[in-house]
């Protein structure tokens, strides 16, 4: 599996981790996290769609904020800095979204999916 790498200086690869066993462990953990990553992205899709339609309820908003926070942390842990930053932006937008934020949320989610596309 090739790790997500937004920029060459952020690549999680064997040379960025001097311990090959640690690198292999991180790669294995990434594979194990894929199902939950898919679920989290799907939930964000749903929440962004609800926000776009003006029907975002508090339960979905809070869950989307929590999911974005978890994604941000997980992506950062695996060395995917840019994707983690985008997830963090989504988290912060879901703290107190306004109707105007729907467009911003759509763009952030599009960018996050773009960054992760080759690795899901």
C-alpha atoms as a PDB file:
ATOM      1  CA  UNK A   1       0.000   0.000   0.000  1.00  0.00           C
ATOM      2  CA  UNK A   2       1.271   3.427  -0.914  1.00  0.00           C
ATOM      3  CA  UNK A   3       0.793   5.995   1.862  1.00  0.00           C
ATOM      4  CA  UNK A   4      -0.991   9.265   1.266  1.00  0.00           C
ATOM      5  CA  UNK A   5       1.515  12.005   0.592  1.00  0.00           C
ATOM      6  CA  UNK A   6       0.331  15.528  -0.122  1.00  0.00           C
ATOM      7  CA  UNK A   7       3.898  16.808  -0.438  1.00  0.00           C
ATOM      8  CA  UNK A   8       7.228  15.043  -0.750  1.00  0.00           C
ATOM      9  CA  UNK A   9       8.472  16.390   2.587  1.00  0.00           C
ATOM     10  CA  UNK A  10       5.491  14.783   4.364  1.00  0.00           C
ATOM     11  CA  UNK A  11       5.695  11.299   2.864  1.00  0.00           C
ATOM     12  CA  UNK A  12       5.205   8.413   5.257  1.00  0.00           C
ATOM     13  CA  UNK A  13       7.579   5.919   3.693  1.00  0.00           C
ATOM     14  CA  UNK A  14      10.304   3.571   4.842  1.00  0.00           C
ATOM     15  CA  UNK A  15      12.945   6.289   4.632  1.00  0.00           C
ATOM     16  CA  UNK A  16      10.849   8.648   6.788  1.00  0.00           C
ATOM     17  CA  UNK A  17      10.696   5.958   9.488  1.00  0.00           C
ATOM     18  CA  UNK A  18      14.099   4.477  10.279  1.00  0.00           C
ATOM     19  CA  UNK A  19      12.447   1.487  11.946  1.00  0.00           C
ATOM     20  CA  UNK A  20      11.012  -0.772   9.202  1.00  0.00           C
ATOM     21  CA  UNK A  21       8.921  -2.635  11.763  1.00  0.00           C
ATOM     22  CA  UNK A  22       7.285   0.603  12.886  1.00  0.00           C
ATOM     23  CA  UNK A  23       6.590   1.557   9.287  1.00  0.00           C
ATOM     24  CA  UNK A  24       5.018  -1.845   8.615  1.00  0.00           C
ATOM     25  CA  UNK A  25       2.904  -1.518  11.757  1.00  0.00           C
ATOM     26  CA  UNK A  26       1.637   1.908  10.675  1.00  0.00           C
ATOM     27  CA  UNK A  27       0.778   0.560   7.233  1.00  0.00           C
ATOM     28  CA  UNK A  28      -1.117  -2.355   8.784  1.00  0.00           C
ATOM     29  CA  UNK A  29      -2.999  -0.020  11.119  1.00  0.00           C
ATOM     30  CA  UNK A  30      -3.972   2.200   8.177  1.00  0.00           C
ATOM     31  CA  UNK A  31      -5.465  -0.816   6.404  1.00  0.00           C
ATOM     32  CA  UNK A  32      -7.406  -1.760   9.528  1.00  0.00           C
ATOM     33  CA  UNK A  33      -8.767   1.792   9.858  1.00  0.00           C
ATOM     34  CA  UNK A  34     -10.083   1.894   6.282  1.00  0.00           C
ATOM     35  CA  UNK A  35     -13.624   0.671   7.086  1.00  0.00           C
ATOM     36  CA  UNK A  36     -14.081   3.284   9.810  1.00  0.00           C
ATOM     37  CA  UNK A  37     -12.537   5.930   7.553  1.00  0.00           C
ATOM     38  CA  UNK A  38     -15.116   5.099   4.864  1.00  0.00           C
ATOM     39  CA  UNK A  39     -17.932   5.298   7.426  1.00  0.00           C
ATOM     40  CA  UNK A  40     -16.685   8.644   8.689  1.00  0.00           C
ATOM     41  CA  UNK A  41     -16.461  10.108   5.206  1.00  0.00           C
ATOM     42  CA  UNK A  42     -19.960   8.848   4.418  1.00  0.00           C
ATOM     43  CA  UNK A  43     -21.310  10.478   7.575  1.00  0.00           C
ATOM     44  CA  UNK A  44     -19.619  13.748   6.612  1.00  0.00           C
ATOM     45  CA  UNK A  45     -21.171  13.480   3.144  1.00  0.00           C
ATOM     46  CA  UNK A  46     -24.598  13.094   4.760  1.00  0.00           C
ATOM     47  CA  UNK A  47     -24.062  16.008   7.142  1.00  0.00           C
ATOM     48  CA  UNK A  48     -22.785  18.296   4.380  1.00  0.00           C
ATOM     49  CA  UNK A  49     -25.785  17.362   2.235  1.00  0.00           C
ATOM     50  CA  UNK A  50     -28.142  18.163   5.123  1.00  0.00           C
ATOM     51  CA  UNK A  51     -26.360  21.493   5.676  1.00  0.00           C
ATOM     52  CA  UNK A  52     -26.645  22.281   1.965  1.00  0.00           C
ATOM     53  CA  UNK A  53     -30.379  21.605   2.083  1.00  0.00           C
ATOM     54  CA  UNK A  54     -30.783  23.732   5.213  1.00  0.00           C
ATOM     55  CA  UNK A  55     -31.861  20.739   7.295  1.00  0.00           C
ATOM     56  CA  UNK A  56     -28.840  20.044   9.499  1.00  0.00           C
ATOM     57  CA  UNK A  57     -30.114  18.940  12.890  1.00  0.00           C
ATOM     58  CA  UNK A  58     -28.094  19.188  16.093  1.00  0.00           C
ATOM     59  CA  UNK A  59     -27.492  15.448  16.428  1.00  0.00           C
ATOM     60  CA  UNK A  60     -25.995  15.147  12.946  1.00  0.00           C
ATOM     61  CA  UNK A  61     -24.016  18.378  13.376  1.00  0.00           C
ATOM     62  CA  UNK A  62     -22.444  17.170  16.630  1.00  0.00           C
ATOM     63  CA  UNK A  63     -21.670  13.753  15.163  1.00  0.00           C
ATOM     64  CA  UNK A  64     -20.093  15.329  12.068  1.00  0.00           C
ATOM     65  CA  UNK A  65     -17.927  17.558  14.243  1.00  0.00           C
ATOM     66  CA  UNK A  66     -16.802  14.549  16.297  1.00  0.00           C
ATOM     67  CA  UNK A  67     -16.132  12.429  13.209  1.00  0.00           C
ATOM     68  CA  UNK A  68     -14.100  15.199  11.580  1.00  0.00           C
ATOM     69  CA  UNK A  69     -12.074  15.519  14.789  1.00  0.00           C
ATOM     70  CA  UNK A  70     -11.339  11.780  14.796  1.00  0.00           C
ATOM     71  CA  UNK A  71     -10.399  11.845  11.127  1.00  0.00           C
ATOM     72  CA  UNK A  72      -8.076  14.769  11.686  1.00  0.00           C
ATOM     73  CA  UNK A  73      -6.279  12.927  14.469  1.00  0.00           C
ATOM     74  CA  UNK A  74      -6.064   9.636  12.607  1.00  0.00           C
ATOM     75  CA  UNK A  75      -4.794  11.212   9.422  1.00  0.00           C
ATOM     76  CA  UNK A  76      -2.215  13.199  11.338  1.00  0.00           C
ATOM     77  CA  UNK A  77      -1.079  10.055  13.165  1.00  0.00           C
ATOM     78  CA  UNK A  78      -0.442   8.345   9.834  1.00  0.00           C
ATOM     79  CA  UNK A  79       1.528  11.318   8.512  1.00  0.00           C
ATOM     80  CA  UNK A  80      -1.122  12.670   6.169  1.00  0.00           C
ATOM     81  CA  UNK A  81      -0.752  16.264   7.267  1.00  0.00           C
ATOM     82  CA  UNK A  82      -2.728  18.090   4.581  1.00  0.00           C
ATOM     83  CA  UNK A  83      -5.690  15.702   4.756  1.00  0.00           C
ATOM     84  CA  UNK A  84      -5.644  16.020   8.549  1.00  0.00           C
ATOM     85  CA  UNK A  85      -5.694  19.809   8.267  1.00  0.00           C
ATOM     86  CA  UNK A  86      -8.683  19.695   5.918  1.00  0.00           C
ATOM     87  CA  UNK A  87     -10.524  17.390   8.353  1.00  0.00           C
ATOM     88  CA  UNK A  88      -9.699  19.864  11.118  1.00  0.00           C
ATOM     89  CA  UNK A  89     -11.172  22.690   9.018  1.00  0.00           C
ATOM     90  CA  UNK A  90     -14.351  20.615   8.614  1.00  0.00           C
ATOM     91  CA  UNK A  91     -14.448  20.020  12.365  1.00  0.00           C
ATOM     92  CA  UNK A  92     -14.163  23.731  13.132  1.00  0.00           C
ATOM     93  CA  UNK A  93     -16.803  24.663  10.572  1.00  0.00           C
ATOM     94  CA  UNK A  94     -19.221  22.155  12.110  1.00  0.00           C
ATOM     95  CA  UNK A  95     -18.787  23.761  15.553  1.00  0.00           C
ATOM     96  CA  UNK A  96     -21.209  26.539  14.644  1.00  0.00           C
ATOM     97  CA  UNK A  97     -22.137  26.324  10.958  1.00  0.00           C
ATOM     98  CA  UNK A  98     -24.073  29.058   9.264  1.00  0.00           C
ATOM     99  CA  UNK A  99     -26.128  28.602   6.083  1.00  0.00           C
ATOM    100  CA  UNK A 100     -23.261  30.229   4.173  1.00  0.00           C
ATOM    101  CA  UNK A 101     -20.869  27.504   5.421  1.00  0.00           C
ATOM    102  CA  UNK A 102     -22.546  24.825   3.292  1.00  0.00           C
ATOM    103  CA  UNK A 103     -20.432  25.810   0.282  1.00  0.00           C
ATOM    104  CA  UNK A 104     -17.270  25.836   2.388  1.00  0.00           C
ATOM    105  CA  UNK A 105     -18.098  22.410   3.823  1.00  0.00           C
ATOM    106  CA  UNK A 106     -18.708  20.989   0.342  1.00  0.00           C
ATOM    107  CA  UNK A 107     -15.340  22.288  -0.841  1.00  0.00           C
ATOM    108  CA  UNK A 108     -13.490  20.970   2.215  1.00  0.00           C
ATOM    109  CA  UNK A 109     -15.082  17.546   1.844  1.00  0.00           C
ATOM    110  CA  UNK A 110     -14.335  17.473  -1.887  1.00  0.00           C
ATOM    111  CA  UNK A 111     -10.695  18.286  -1.119  1.00  0.00           C
ATOM    112  CA  UNK A 112     -10.491  15.670   1.627  1.00  0.00           C
ATOM    113  CA  UNK A 113     -11.889  12.971  -0.654  1.00  0.00           C
ATOM    114  CA  UNK A 114      -9.505  14.095  -3.390  1.00  0.00           C
ATOM    115  CA  UNK A 115      -6.516  13.745  -1.060  1.00  0.00           C
ATOM    116  CA  UNK A 116      -7.626  10.314   0.128  1.00  0.00           C
ATOM    117  CA  UNK A 117      -8.978   8.900  -3.167  1.00  0.00           C
ATOM    118  CA  UNK A 118      -5.964   6.798  -4.064  1.00  0.00           C
ATOM    119  CA  UNK A 119      -5.692   5.308  -0.575  1.00  0.00           C
ATOM    120  CA  UNK A 120      -9.227   4.218   0.235  1.00  0.00           C
END
